Amino acid sequence: MLAKRVNISDQVYTAIKNDILSDVFDFGDSVSEQEYAERLKISRTPLREAIKKLEVEGIIERLPNGRLRVAMIDNTQIKEIYQIRIALENLILENTILDNEKIPAILETILEKNKNLIDREDWKGAREVIREFSIAMLNDDRYSFTKKILKQYNFFITKLKAYSLVTPERIIQAYEEHCQIFNYIKEKNIEDLKKTNTTHLNNAVNATLKNVKENRIFISNK
């Protein structure tokens, strides 16, 4: 019985996270326990277990009145998350490109797919492939501890990417930056790789902050 309840709790946890990442909820939106219990046809016990886990991870906040909401995030925190991402990604890249011969071929295939989607003006598809490139670029199991630390911020990074890759212009720019990153990985040029990846992520945070401001997304303005 315990294993079954835990399994349901994990499913609820995943369902709520997916709703947030797929923009059913935005930062600061209210989350109703009752609505989830009715929709998923579950008891409150596994639901509360799932929500407690989301609270511990900082994804869900419980207000003084007991109500729940998706965590708020401000401009300072957005910048901080990207600075953490820059440091950790560059650490993985610096070690990976020296002796991982599989990654360049994988990245080249992804870039070809991305170019085809951009040429067809399939911006939704191109946006997804840009994310695919970022995942593949860091896919080296030897650096599991660094990736584990990065994973703690992965939810917010994934959510914020939706605000970074809004316009066709930014999608094209990100693709071109990935082409530069790919060339430096292939050449094993560590210094230029780290500089280009840093520029790429700084452009991403600037695009995110711009789109947050212009679209008046529900984020506090610290």
N, C-alpha and C. Protein backbone atom coordinates (compact mmCIF):
# COMPACT_ATOMS: atom_id res chain seq x y z
N MET A 1 0.83 -1.21 0.00
CA MET A 1 0.00 0.00 0.00
C MET A 1 0.86 1.26 0.00
N LEU A 2 1.95 1.24 0.79
CA LEU A 2 2.85 2.39 0.85
C LEU A 2 3.47 2.67 -0.50
N ALA A 3 3.94 1.62 -1.18
CA ALA A 3 4.57 1.79 -2.49
C ALA A 3 3.58 2.37 -3.49
N LYS A 4 2.33 1.92 -3.42
CA LYS A 4 1.32 2.42 -4.33
C LYS A 4 1.07 3.89 -4.11
N ARG A 5 0.99 4.30 -2.81
CA ARG A 5 0.75 5.70 -2.49
C ARG A 5 1.90 6.57 -2.97
N VAL A 6 3.14 6.11 -2.77
CA VAL A 6 4.31 6.86 -3.21
C VAL A 6 4.29 7.02 -4.72
N ASN A 7 3.91 5.95 -5.42
CA ASN A 7 3.85 6.00 -6.87
C ASN A 7 2.84 7.04 -7.34
N ILE A 8 1.66 7.08 -6.69
CA ILE A 8 0.65 8.09 -7.03
C ILE A 8 1.19 9.48 -6.73
N SER A 9 1.86 9.62 -5.61
CA SER A 9 2.45 10.91 -5.23
C SER A 9 3.45 11.39 -6.29
N ASP A 10 4.28 10.48 -6.79
CA ASP A 10 5.25 10.83 -7.83
C ASP A 10 4.54 11.27 -9.11
N GLN A 11 3.45 10.59 -9.44
CA GLN A 11 2.69 10.94 -10.64
C GLN A 11 2.07 12.33 -10.52
N VAL A 12 1.55 12.64 -9.34
CA VAL A 12 0.96 13.96 -9.09
C VAL A 12 2.04 15.04 -9.16
N TYR A 13 3.18 14.75 -8.55
CA TYR A 13 4.33 15.66 -8.57
C TYR A 13 4.71 15.99 -10.02
N THR A 14 4.81 14.98 -10.85
CA THR A 14 5.16 15.18 -12.26
C THR A 14 4.08 15.95 -12.99
N ALA A 15 2.82 15.66 -12.71
CA ALA A 15 1.70 16.33 -13.38
C ALA A 15 1.70 17.82 -13.08
N ILE A 16 1.93 18.19 -11.83
CA ILE A 16 1.94 19.61 -11.47
C ILE A 16 3.12 20.32 -12.12
N LYS A 17 4.30 19.70 -12.08
CA LYS A 17 5.47 20.31 -12.72
C LYS A 17 5.25 20.49 -14.22
N ASN A 18 4.67 19.49 -14.87
CA ASN A 18 4.41 19.59 -16.30
C ASN A 18 3.41 20.70 -16.61
N ASP A 19 2.42 20.88 -15.74
CA ASP A 19 1.45 21.96 -15.94
C ASP A 19 2.14 23.32 -15.86
N ILE A 20 3.08 23.45 -14.94
CA ILE A 20 3.80 24.72 -14.82
C ILE A 20 4.70 24.95 -16.03
N LEU A 21 5.41 23.91 -16.46
CA LEU A 21 6.33 24.05 -17.59
C LEU A 21 5.60 24.26 -18.90
N SER A 22 4.37 23.74 -19.01
CA SER A 22 3.60 23.90 -20.25
C SER A 22 2.70 25.13 -20.21
N ASP A 23 2.94 26.01 -19.23
CA ASP A 23 2.27 27.30 -19.12
C ASP A 23 0.81 27.23 -18.75
N VAL A 24 0.36 26.10 -18.17
CA VAL A 24 -0.96 26.09 -17.53
C VAL A 24 -0.91 27.06 -16.35
N PHE A 25 0.23 27.08 -15.67
CA PHE A 25 0.48 28.04 -14.60
C PHE A 25 1.72 28.85 -14.93
N ASP A 26 1.72 30.10 -14.48
CA ASP A 26 2.91 30.93 -14.60
C ASP A 26 3.44 31.21 -13.20
N PHE A 27 4.59 31.88 -13.13
CA PHE A 27 5.12 32.28 -11.83
C PHE A 27 4.07 33.10 -11.07
N GLY A 28 3.84 32.73 -9.83
CA GLY A 28 2.91 33.50 -8.99
C GLY A 28 1.46 33.07 -9.08
N ASP A 29 1.10 32.15 -9.99
CA ASP A 29 -0.29 31.71 -10.12
C ASP A 29 -0.68 30.81 -8.95
N SER A 30 -1.96 30.90 -8.57
CA SER A 30 -2.48 30.07 -7.49
C SER A 30 -2.63 28.62 -7.94
N VAL A 31 -2.40 27.71 -7.02
CA VAL A 31 -2.57 26.28 -7.26
C VAL A 31 -3.57 25.74 -6.25
N SER A 32 -4.60 25.07 -6.74
CA SER A 32 -5.66 24.57 -5.88
C SER A 32 -5.52 23.07 -5.63
N GLU A 33 -5.37 22.70 -4.36
CA GLU A 33 -5.31 21.27 -4.00
C GLU A 33 -6.62 20.58 -4.38
N GLN A 34 -7.73 21.23 -4.12
CA GLN A 34 -9.04 20.62 -4.38
C GLN A 34 -9.22 20.33 -5.87
N GLU A 35 -8.82 21.28 -6.72
CA GLU A 35 -8.98 21.08 -8.16
C GLU A 35 -8.15 19.89 -8.65
N TYR A 36 -6.94 19.74 -8.12
CA TYR A 36 -6.10 18.61 -8.52
C TYR A 36 -6.67 17.30 -7.99
N ALA A 37 -7.19 17.32 -6.77
CA ALA A 37 -7.77 16.10 -6.20
C ALA A 37 -8.96 15.64 -7.03
N GLU A 38 -9.78 16.59 -7.47
CA GLU A 38 -10.96 16.24 -8.27
C GLU A 38 -10.56 15.83 -9.69
N ARG A 39 -9.63 16.55 -10.27
CA ARG A 39 -9.24 16.26 -11.65
C ARG A 39 -8.54 14.93 -11.78
N LEU A 40 -7.65 14.63 -10.83
CA LEU A 40 -6.87 13.40 -10.89
C LEU A 40 -7.55 12.24 -10.15
N LYS A 41 -8.67 12.58 -9.48
CA LYS A 41 -9.43 11.55 -8.75
C LYS A 41 -8.54 10.81 -7.74
N ILE A 42 -7.91 11.61 -6.90
CA ILE A 42 -7.01 11.05 -5.88
C ILE A 42 -7.38 11.63 -4.52
N SER A 43 -6.89 10.96 -3.48
CA SER A 43 -7.11 11.46 -2.13
C SER A 43 -6.12 12.58 -1.81
N ARG A 44 -6.35 13.26 -0.72
CA ARG A 44 -5.49 14.39 -0.36
C ARG A 44 -4.10 13.94 0.09
N THR A 45 -3.97 12.70 0.59
CA THR A 45 -2.67 12.28 1.14
C THR A 45 -1.56 12.27 0.09
N PRO A 46 -1.69 11.56 -1.06
CA PRO A 46 -0.62 11.61 -2.06
C PRO A 46 -0.46 12.99 -2.68
N LEU A 47 -1.57 13.74 -2.76
CA LEU A 47 -1.49 15.10 -3.30
C LEU A 47 -0.63 15.98 -2.40
N ARG A 48 -0.83 15.88 -1.11
CA ARG A 48 -0.06 16.70 -0.18
C ARG A 48 1.41 16.27 -0.13
N GLU A 49 1.65 14.98 -0.31
CA GLU A 49 3.04 14.50 -0.39
C GLU A 49 3.74 15.12 -1.60
N ALA A 50 3.03 15.16 -2.73
CA ALA A 50 3.60 15.74 -3.95
C ALA A 50 3.86 17.23 -3.78
N ILE A 51 2.91 17.93 -3.20
CA ILE A 51 3.05 19.37 -3.01
C ILE A 51 4.17 19.68 -2.02
N LYS A 52 4.30 18.85 -0.99
CA LYS A 52 5.38 19.06 -0.01
C LYS A 52 6.74 18.97 -0.71
N LYS A 53 6.88 18.00 -1.61
CA LYS A 53 8.13 17.86 -2.36
C LYS A 53 8.38 19.09 -3.22
N LEU A 54 7.33 19.63 -3.84
CA LEU A 54 7.47 20.83 -4.66
C LEU A 54 7.81 22.05 -3.82
N GLU A 55 7.29 22.08 -2.60
CA GLU A 55 7.63 23.17 -1.67
C GLU A 55 9.11 23.11 -1.29
N VAL A 56 9.59 21.91 -0.99
CA VAL A 56 11.00 21.73 -0.62
C VAL A 56 11.91 22.18 -1.75
N GLU A 57 11.52 21.91 -2.99
CA GLU A 57 12.32 22.30 -4.16
C GLU A 57 12.17 23.77 -4.51
N GLY A 58 11.29 24.48 -3.82
CA GLY A 58 11.11 25.91 -4.07
C GLY A 58 10.24 26.22 -5.27
N ILE A 59 9.53 25.23 -5.79
CA ILE A 59 8.68 25.43 -6.97
C ILE A 59 7.30 25.94 -6.56
N ILE A 60 6.78 25.42 -5.44
CA ILE A 60 5.50 25.85 -4.90
C ILE A 60 5.75 26.56 -3.57
N GLU A 61 4.99 27.64 -3.34
CA GLU A 61 5.08 28.38 -2.08
C GLU A 61 3.73 28.30 -1.35
N ARG A 62 3.79 28.15 -0.04
CA ARG A 62 2.57 28.19 0.78
C ARG A 62 2.50 29.55 1.46
N LEU A 63 1.43 30.27 1.21
CA LEU A 63 1.26 31.60 1.77
C LEU A 63 0.80 31.52 3.23
N PRO A 64 0.90 32.63 3.99
CA PRO A 64 0.46 32.61 5.40
C PRO A 64 -0.99 32.19 5.58
N ASN A 65 -1.84 32.45 4.58
CA ASN A 65 -3.25 32.06 4.69
C ASN A 65 -3.49 30.60 4.30
N GLY A 66 -2.39 29.88 3.98
CA GLY A 66 -2.50 28.47 3.65
C GLY A 66 -2.65 28.18 2.17
N ARG A 67 -2.90 29.20 1.38
CA ARG A 67 -3.06 28.98 -0.07
C ARG A 67 -1.71 28.71 -0.71
N LEU A 68 -1.76 28.05 -1.88
CA LEU A 68 -0.55 27.67 -2.60
C LEU A 68 -0.42 28.49 -3.88
N ARG A 69 0.82 28.75 -4.26
CA ARG A 69 1.06 29.40 -5.55
C ARG A 69 2.40 28.93 -6.10
N VAL A 70 2.53 29.05 -7.41
CA VAL A 70 3.83 28.82 -8.04
C VAL A 70 4.78 29.89 -7.53
N ALA A 71 6.02 29.52 -7.26
CA ALA A 71 6.99 30.47 -6.70
C ALA A 71 7.10 31.73 -7.54
N MET A 72 7.23 32.84 -6.86
CA MET A 72 7.55 34.10 -7.54
C MET A 72 9.04 34.12 -7.85
N ILE A 73 9.41 34.92 -8.82
CA ILE A 73 10.83 35.08 -9.15
C ILE A 73 11.04 36.51 -9.61
N ASP A 74 12.12 37.13 -9.19
CA ASP A 74 12.37 38.52 -9.57
C ASP A 74 13.58 38.61 -10.50
N ASN A 75 13.83 39.80 -11.00
CA ASN A 75 14.89 40.00 -12.00
C ASN A 75 16.27 39.63 -11.45
N THR A 76 16.50 39.95 -10.17
CA THR A 76 17.78 39.60 -9.56
C THR A 76 17.98 38.09 -9.54
N GLN A 77 16.93 37.36 -9.21
CA GLN A 77 17.01 35.90 -9.17
C GLN A 77 17.21 35.30 -10.56
N ILE A 78 16.56 35.90 -11.56
CA ILE A 78 16.75 35.44 -12.95
C ILE A 78 18.22 35.56 -13.33
N LYS A 79 18.81 36.71 -13.05
CA LYS A 79 20.23 36.91 -13.36
C LYS A 79 21.10 35.92 -12.60
N GLU A 80 20.76 35.70 -11.33
CA GLU A 80 21.55 34.78 -10.50
C GLU A 80 21.49 33.36 -11.06
N ILE A 81 20.31 32.92 -11.46
CA ILE A 81 20.15 31.56 -12.01
C ILE A 81 21.01 31.40 -13.26
N TYR A 82 21.03 32.41 -14.12
CA TYR A 82 21.84 32.31 -15.34
C TYR A 82 23.33 32.36 -15.04
N GLN A 83 23.73 33.11 -14.02
CA GLN A 83 25.14 33.13 -13.65
C GLN A 83 25.59 31.76 -13.13
N ILE A 84 24.73 31.12 -12.35
CA ILE A 84 25.02 29.75 -11.88
C ILE A 84 25.12 28.82 -13.08
N ARG A 85 24.20 28.96 -14.01
CA ARG A 85 24.20 28.11 -15.20
C ARG A 85 25.47 28.30 -16.01
N ILE A 86 25.92 29.54 -16.18
CA ILE A 86 27.14 29.81 -16.94
C ILE A 86 28.32 29.10 -16.29
N ALA A 87 28.45 29.25 -14.98
CA ALA A 87 29.60 28.65 -14.27
C ALA A 87 29.59 27.13 -14.40
N LEU A 88 28.44 26.51 -14.18
CA LEU A 88 28.38 25.05 -14.20
C LEU A 88 28.50 24.49 -15.62
N GLU A 89 27.85 25.13 -16.59
CA GLU A 89 27.95 24.65 -17.98
C GLU A 89 29.38 24.74 -18.47
N ASN A 90 30.04 25.85 -18.18
CA ASN A 90 31.42 26.01 -18.65
C ASN A 90 32.35 25.00 -18.00
N LEU A 91 32.06 24.64 -16.76
CA LEU A 91 32.86 23.61 -16.08
C LEU A 91 32.70 22.26 -16.79
N ILE A 92 31.47 21.90 -17.13
CA ILE A 92 31.23 20.64 -17.83
C ILE A 92 31.87 20.67 -19.22
N LEU A 93 31.68 21.77 -19.94
CA LEU A 93 32.22 21.87 -21.30
C LEU A 93 33.74 21.80 -21.31
N GLU A 94 34.35 22.47 -20.36
CA GLU A 94 35.81 22.48 -20.31
C GLU A 94 36.39 21.07 -20.19
N ASN A 95 35.72 20.23 -19.45
CA ASN A 95 36.19 18.86 -19.26
C ASN A 95 35.73 17.92 -20.36
N THR A 96 34.54 18.16 -20.88
CA THR A 96 33.96 17.24 -21.85
C THR A 96 34.67 17.26 -23.19
N ILE A 97 34.99 18.44 -23.71
CA ILE A 97 35.47 18.53 -25.09
C ILE A 97 36.87 17.97 -25.26
N LEU A 98 37.57 17.74 -24.15
CA LEU A 98 38.93 17.24 -24.28
C LEU A 98 38.99 15.80 -24.77
N ASP A 99 37.99 14.98 -24.37
CA ASP A 99 38.11 13.57 -24.71
C ASP A 99 36.79 12.87 -25.04
N ASN A 100 35.72 13.61 -25.20
CA ASN A 100 34.45 12.99 -25.59
C ASN A 100 34.25 13.18 -27.09
N GLU A 101 34.48 12.12 -27.84
CA GLU A 101 34.45 12.21 -29.31
C GLU A 101 33.05 12.05 -29.88
N LYS A 102 32.09 11.66 -29.06
CA LYS A 102 30.74 11.38 -29.57
C LYS A 102 29.90 12.64 -29.71
N ILE A 103 30.15 13.63 -28.85
CA ILE A 103 29.28 14.80 -28.79
C ILE A 103 29.24 15.61 -30.09
N PRO A 104 30.38 15.90 -30.77
CA PRO A 104 30.30 16.71 -31.99
C PRO A 104 29.36 16.15 -33.05
N ALA A 105 29.38 14.86 -33.28
CA ALA A 105 28.50 14.26 -34.29
C ALA A 105 27.03 14.42 -33.92
N ILE A 106 26.73 14.26 -32.64
CA ILE A 106 25.35 14.43 -32.18
C ILE A 106 24.90 15.88 -32.36
N LEU A 107 25.76 16.81 -31.98
CA LEU A 107 25.42 18.24 -32.10
C LEU A 107 25.25 18.66 -33.55
N GLU A 108 26.08 18.13 -34.43
CA GLU A 108 25.98 18.48 -35.85
C GLU A 108 24.63 18.05 -36.42
N THR A 109 24.16 16.88 -36.05
CA THR A 109 22.84 16.42 -36.50
C THR A 109 21.73 17.32 -36.01
N ILE A 110 21.83 17.74 -34.75
CA ILE A 110 20.82 18.63 -34.17
C ILE A 110 20.82 19.98 -34.88
N LEU A 111 22.00 20.52 -35.19
CA LEU A 111 22.09 21.80 -35.88
C LEU A 111 21.48 21.73 -37.27
N GLU A 112 21.70 20.63 -37.97
CA GLU A 112 21.10 20.45 -39.30
C GLU A 112 19.57 20.45 -39.21
N LYS A 113 19.05 19.75 -38.21
CA LYS A 113 17.60 19.71 -38.00
C LYS A 113 17.07 21.11 -37.67
N ASN A 114 17.83 21.83 -36.85
CA ASN A 114 17.41 23.18 -36.46
C ASN A 114 17.36 24.11 -37.67
N LYS A 115 18.37 24.03 -38.53
CA LYS A 115 18.39 24.89 -39.72
C LYS A 115 17.21 24.61 -40.63
N ASN A 116 16.87 23.35 -40.80
CA ASN A 116 15.72 22.99 -41.64
C ASN A 116 14.43 23.57 -41.09
N LEU A 117 14.28 23.52 -39.79
CA LEU A 117 13.07 24.07 -39.16
C LEU A 117 13.02 25.59 -39.29
N ILE A 118 14.17 26.25 -39.13
CA ILE A 118 14.22 27.71 -39.28
C ILE A 118 13.92 28.09 -40.72
N ASP A 119 14.48 27.36 -41.68
CA ASP A 119 14.21 27.64 -43.10
C ASP A 119 12.73 27.51 -43.42
N ARG A 120 12.04 26.60 -42.73
CA ARG A 120 10.60 26.40 -42.95
C ARG A 120 9.77 27.34 -42.07
N GLU A 121 10.46 28.15 -41.26
CA GLU A 121 9.82 29.07 -40.33
C GLU A 121 8.92 28.34 -39.34
N ASP A 122 9.35 27.14 -38.97
CA ASP A 122 8.67 26.38 -37.92
C ASP A 122 9.32 26.77 -36.59
N TRP A 123 8.85 27.89 -36.03
CA TRP A 123 9.52 28.47 -34.87
C TRP A 123 9.32 27.63 -33.62
N LYS A 124 8.16 27.00 -33.50
CA LYS A 124 7.94 26.12 -32.34
C LYS A 124 8.90 24.94 -32.37
N GLY A 125 9.03 24.32 -33.53
CA GLY A 125 9.95 23.19 -33.67
C GLY A 125 11.38 23.61 -33.45
N ALA A 126 11.76 24.77 -34.02
CA ALA A 126 13.13 25.27 -33.87
C ALA A 126 13.45 25.56 -32.41
N ARG A 127 12.46 26.08 -31.70
CA ARG A 127 12.65 26.37 -30.27
C ARG A 127 12.94 25.09 -29.49
N GLU A 128 12.21 24.04 -29.79
CA GLU A 128 12.42 22.77 -29.09
C GLU A 128 13.79 22.18 -29.41
N VAL A 129 14.24 22.32 -30.66
CA VAL A 129 15.53 21.75 -31.05
C VAL A 129 16.68 22.53 -30.42
N ILE A 130 16.51 23.83 -30.22
CA ILE A 130 17.52 24.61 -29.51
C ILE A 130 17.69 24.07 -28.09
N ARG A 131 16.60 23.73 -27.46
CA ARG A 131 16.68 23.13 -26.12
C ARG A 131 17.35 21.76 -26.20
N GLU A 132 17.06 21.02 -27.26
CA GLU A 132 17.67 19.70 -27.45
C GLU A 132 19.19 19.81 -27.56
N PHE A 133 19.67 20.84 -28.26
CA PHE A 133 21.11 21.08 -28.40
C PHE A 133 21.74 21.30 -27.03
N SER A 134 21.10 22.13 -26.21
CA SER A 134 21.65 22.44 -24.89
C SER A 134 21.78 21.20 -24.02
N ILE A 135 20.79 20.31 -24.11
CA ILE A 135 20.83 19.07 -23.32
C ILE A 135 21.95 18.16 -23.82
N ALA A 136 22.02 17.99 -25.15
CA ALA A 136 23.02 17.10 -25.73
C ALA A 136 24.44 17.60 -25.47
N MET A 137 24.62 18.90 -25.48
CA MET A 137 25.94 19.50 -25.28
C MET A 137 26.53 19.13 -23.92
N LEU A 138 25.66 18.92 -22.95
CA LEU A 138 26.10 18.65 -21.57
C LEU A 138 25.94 17.19 -21.19
N ASN A 139 25.67 16.34 -22.16
CA ASN A 139 25.35 14.94 -21.87
C ASN A 139 26.61 14.09 -21.70
N ASP A 140 27.25 14.26 -20.57
CA ASP A 140 28.44 13.49 -20.24
C ASP A 140 28.30 12.97 -18.82
N ASP A 141 28.07 11.68 -18.67
CA ASP A 141 27.77 11.09 -17.36
C ASP A 141 28.94 11.15 -16.39
N ARG A 142 30.14 11.42 -16.88
CA ARG A 142 31.30 11.45 -15.99
C ARG A 142 31.26 12.63 -15.03
N TYR A 143 30.45 13.63 -15.35
CA TYR A 143 30.38 14.82 -14.51
C TYR A 143 29.01 14.90 -13.84
N SER A 144 28.61 13.77 -13.26
CA SER A 144 27.28 13.62 -12.70
C SER A 144 27.05 14.55 -11.50
N PHE A 145 28.09 14.81 -10.71
CA PHE A 145 27.90 15.66 -9.53
C PHE A 145 27.60 17.10 -9.96
N THR A 146 28.37 17.61 -10.93
CA THR A 146 28.11 18.96 -11.43
C THR A 146 26.73 19.04 -12.07
N LYS A 147 26.36 18.00 -12.83
CA LYS A 147 25.04 17.98 -13.46
C LYS A 147 23.94 17.89 -12.42
N LYS A 148 24.20 17.20 -11.33
CA LYS A 148 23.21 17.10 -10.26
C LYS A 148 22.94 18.47 -9.65
N ILE A 149 24.01 19.25 -9.46
CA ILE A 149 23.83 20.61 -8.94
C ILE A 149 23.04 21.46 -9.93
N LEU A 150 23.40 21.34 -11.21
CA LEU A 150 22.70 22.10 -12.26
C LEU A 150 21.23 21.70 -12.32
N LYS A 151 20.95 20.42 -12.10
CA LYS A 151 19.57 19.91 -12.16
C LYS A 151 18.68 20.57 -11.12
N GLN A 152 19.25 20.98 -10.00
CA GLN A 152 18.46 21.64 -8.96
C GLN A 152 17.84 22.95 -9.48
N TYR A 153 18.49 23.55 -10.47
CA TYR A 153 17.99 24.80 -11.04
C TYR A 153 17.27 24.56 -12.37
N ASN A 154 17.20 23.28 -12.77
CA ASN A 154 16.72 22.95 -14.11
C ASN A 154 15.28 23.38 -14.33
N PHE A 155 14.43 23.25 -13.30
CA PHE A 155 13.03 23.65 -13.47
C PHE A 155 12.93 25.11 -13.84
N PHE A 156 13.62 25.97 -13.09
CA PHE A 156 13.54 27.41 -13.36
C PHE A 156 14.20 27.75 -14.69
N ILE A 157 15.31 27.07 -15.02
CA ILE A 157 15.97 27.30 -16.29
C ILE A 157 15.04 26.94 -17.45
N THR A 158 14.38 25.79 -17.34
CA THR A 158 13.47 25.35 -18.40
C THR A 158 12.30 26.31 -18.55
N LYS A 159 11.74 26.73 -17.42
CA LYS A 159 10.61 27.67 -17.45
C LYS A 159 11.03 29.01 -18.05
N LEU A 160 12.23 29.49 -17.70
CA LEU A 160 12.68 30.78 -18.19
C LEU A 160 13.01 30.76 -19.68
N LYS A 161 13.38 29.57 -20.21
CA LYS A 161 13.68 29.49 -21.64
C LYS A 161 12.49 29.90 -22.49
N ALA A 162 11.29 29.69 -21.96
CA ALA A 162 10.08 30.09 -22.69
C ALA A 162 10.05 31.60 -22.90
N TYR A 163 10.68 32.35 -21.99
CA TYR A 163 10.73 33.80 -22.11
C TYR A 163 11.94 34.27 -22.92
N SER A 164 12.92 33.40 -23.08
CA SER A 164 14.11 33.75 -23.85
C SER A 164 13.87 33.58 -25.34
N LEU A 165 13.27 32.45 -25.73
CA LEU A 165 13.12 32.11 -27.15
C LEU A 165 11.72 32.47 -27.64
N VAL A 166 11.39 33.75 -27.55
CA VAL A 166 10.04 34.20 -27.91
C VAL A 166 9.95 34.59 -29.38
N THR A 167 10.94 35.33 -29.86
CA THR A 167 10.86 35.88 -31.22
C THR A 167 11.68 35.07 -32.21
N PRO A 168 11.30 35.10 -33.50
CA PRO A 168 12.11 34.44 -34.52
C PRO A 168 13.55 34.95 -34.54
N GLU A 169 13.72 36.26 -34.28
CA GLU A 169 15.06 36.85 -34.29
C GLU A 169 15.95 36.21 -33.22
N ARG A 170 15.39 36.01 -32.04
CA ARG A 170 16.18 35.41 -30.96
C ARG A 170 16.44 33.93 -31.23
N ILE A 171 15.49 33.24 -31.84
CA ILE A 171 15.68 31.84 -32.18
C ILE A 171 16.83 31.70 -33.19
N ILE A 172 16.84 32.57 -34.20
CA ILE A 172 17.92 32.55 -35.20
C ILE A 172 19.26 32.88 -34.54
N GLN A 173 19.26 33.89 -33.67
CA GLN A 173 20.49 34.26 -32.97
C GLN A 173 21.01 33.11 -32.13
N ALA A 174 20.12 32.43 -31.41
CA ALA A 174 20.53 31.30 -30.57
C ALA A 174 21.09 30.17 -31.43
N TYR A 175 20.47 29.93 -32.58
CA TYR A 175 20.98 28.91 -33.50
C TYR A 175 22.39 29.25 -33.97
N GLU A 176 22.61 30.50 -34.34
CA GLU A 176 23.93 30.93 -34.81
C GLU A 176 24.96 30.82 -33.68
N GLU A 177 24.56 31.13 -32.47
CA GLU A 177 25.47 30.98 -31.31
C GLU A 177 25.80 29.51 -31.09
N HIS A 178 24.83 28.65 -31.28
CA HIS A 178 25.08 27.20 -31.14
C HIS A 178 26.03 26.71 -32.23
N CYS A 179 25.94 27.28 -33.42
CA CYS A 179 26.89 26.92 -34.49
C CYS A 179 28.32 27.28 -34.09
N GLN A 180 28.49 28.45 -33.48
CA GLN A 180 29.82 28.86 -33.02
C GLN A 180 30.31 27.93 -31.91
N ILE A 181 29.42 27.61 -30.98
CA ILE A 181 29.77 26.69 -29.89
C ILE A 181 30.20 25.34 -30.45
N PHE A 182 29.45 24.85 -31.43
CA PHE A 182 29.77 23.56 -32.06
C PHE A 182 31.16 23.59 -32.69
N ASN A 183 31.49 24.66 -33.39
CA ASN A 183 32.81 24.76 -34.04
C ASN A 183 33.94 24.74 -33.01
N TYR A 184 33.75 25.42 -31.89
CA TYR A 184 34.80 25.44 -30.86
C TYR A 184 34.91 24.09 -30.15
N ILE A 185 33.78 23.40 -29.99
CA ILE A 185 33.84 22.05 -29.43
C ILE A 185 34.62 21.13 -30.36
N LYS A 186 34.33 21.23 -31.65
CA LYS A 186 34.99 20.38 -32.64
C LYS A 186 36.49 20.67 -32.70
N GLU A 187 36.85 21.95 -32.53
CA GLU A 187 38.27 22.35 -32.57
C GLU A 187 38.97 22.16 -31.22
N LYS A 188 38.19 21.80 -30.19
CA LYS A 188 38.71 21.69 -28.82
C LYS A 188 39.34 23.00 -28.35
N ASN A 189 38.69 24.09 -28.72
CA ASN A 189 39.14 25.43 -28.36
C ASN A 189 38.40 25.85 -27.09
N ILE A 190 38.98 25.54 -25.96
CA ILE A 190 38.29 25.70 -24.68
C ILE A 190 37.97 27.16 -24.37
N GLU A 191 38.96 28.03 -24.53
CA GLU A 191 38.77 29.43 -24.13
C GLU A 191 37.68 30.11 -24.94
N ASP A 192 37.72 29.97 -26.27
CA ASP A 192 36.68 30.59 -27.09
C ASP A 192 35.33 29.92 -26.88
N LEU A 193 35.33 28.63 -26.59
CA LEU A 193 34.08 27.93 -26.30
C LEU A 193 33.41 28.52 -25.07
N LYS A 194 34.17 28.70 -24.00
CA LYS A 194 33.61 29.24 -22.77
C LYS A 194 33.14 30.69 -22.95
N LYS A 195 33.92 31.47 -23.71
CA LYS A 195 33.51 32.86 -23.96
C LYS A 195 32.21 32.92 -24.76
N THR A 196 32.12 32.06 -25.77
CA THR A 196 30.92 32.06 -26.62
C THR A 196 29.70 31.55 -25.87
N ASN A 197 29.90 30.52 -25.05
CA ASN A 197 28.78 30.02 -24.26
C ASN A 197 28.32 31.06 -23.24
N THR A 198 29.27 31.78 -22.68
CA THR A 198 28.92 32.86 -21.74
C THR A 198 28.12 33.95 -22.44
N THR A 199 28.57 34.34 -23.64
CA THR A 199 27.83 35.34 -24.42
C THR A 199 26.44 34.85 -24.76
N HIS A 200 26.34 33.58 -25.16
CA HIS A 200 25.06 32.97 -25.51
C HIS A 200 24.08 33.04 -24.34
N LEU A 201 24.54 32.71 -23.15
CA LEU A 201 23.65 32.69 -21.99
C LEU A 201 23.35 34.11 -21.49
N ASN A 202 24.29 35.03 -21.65
CA ASN A 202 24.01 36.42 -21.32
C ASN A 202 22.96 37.00 -22.27
N ASN A 203 23.04 36.65 -23.54
CA ASN A 203 22.01 37.07 -24.49
C ASN A 203 20.65 36.48 -24.11
N ALA A 204 20.68 35.24 -23.62
CA ALA A 204 19.44 34.58 -23.21
C ALA A 204 18.80 35.30 -22.02
N VAL A 205 19.61 35.68 -21.03
CA VAL A 205 19.03 36.35 -19.86
C VAL A 205 18.54 37.74 -20.24
N ASN A 206 19.24 38.43 -21.13
CA ASN A 206 18.78 39.75 -21.58
C ASN A 206 17.45 39.65 -22.32
N ALA A 207 17.32 38.62 -23.18
CA ALA A 207 16.07 38.41 -23.90
C ALA A 207 14.94 38.07 -22.93
N THR A 208 15.26 37.27 -21.92
CA THR A 208 14.27 36.90 -20.91
C THR A 208 13.75 38.12 -20.18
N LEU A 209 14.67 38.96 -19.69
CA LEU A 209 14.27 40.15 -18.94
C LEU A 209 13.48 41.11 -19.81
N LYS A 210 13.87 41.23 -21.07
CA LYS A 210 13.15 42.11 -22.01
C LYS A 210 11.72 41.63 -22.22
N ASN A 211 11.56 40.33 -22.45
CA ASN A 211 10.23 39.79 -22.72
C ASN A 211 9.35 39.78 -21.48
N VAL A 212 9.97 39.58 -20.32
CA VAL A 212 9.23 39.66 -19.06
C VAL A 212 8.65 41.06 -18.90
N LYS A 213 9.48 42.07 -19.17
CA LYS A 213 9.05 43.46 -19.00
C LYS A 213 7.99 43.85 -20.03
N GLU A 214 8.23 43.50 -21.30
CA GLU A 214 7.32 43.92 -22.37
C GLU A 214 5.96 43.23 -22.28
N ASN A 215 5.96 41.98 -21.82
CA ASN A 215 4.71 41.23 -21.75
C ASN A 215 4.06 41.29 -20.37
N ARG A 216 4.69 42.05 -19.48
CA ARG A 216 4.16 42.23 -18.12
C ARG A 216 3.84 40.89 -17.47
N ILE A 217 4.76 39.96 -17.63
CA ILE A 217 4.61 38.65 -17.01
C ILE A 217 4.60 38.82 -15.51
N PHE A 218 3.83 37.99 -14.83
CA PHE A 218 3.61 38.15 -13.39
C PHE A 218 4.85 37.76 -12.60
N ILE A 219 5.82 38.64 -12.61
CA ILE A 219 7.06 38.45 -11.88
C ILE A 219 7.34 39.76 -11.15
N SER A 220 7.75 39.68 -9.91
CA SER A 220 8.03 40.89 -9.17
C SER A 220 9.22 41.64 -9.77
N ASN A 221 9.25 42.96 -9.61
CA ASN A 221 10.23 43.79 -10.34
C ASN A 221 11.35 44.29 -9.45
N LYS A 222 11.93 43.45 -8.64
CA LYS A 222 13.07 43.87 -7.82
C LYS A 222 14.27 44.13 -8.69
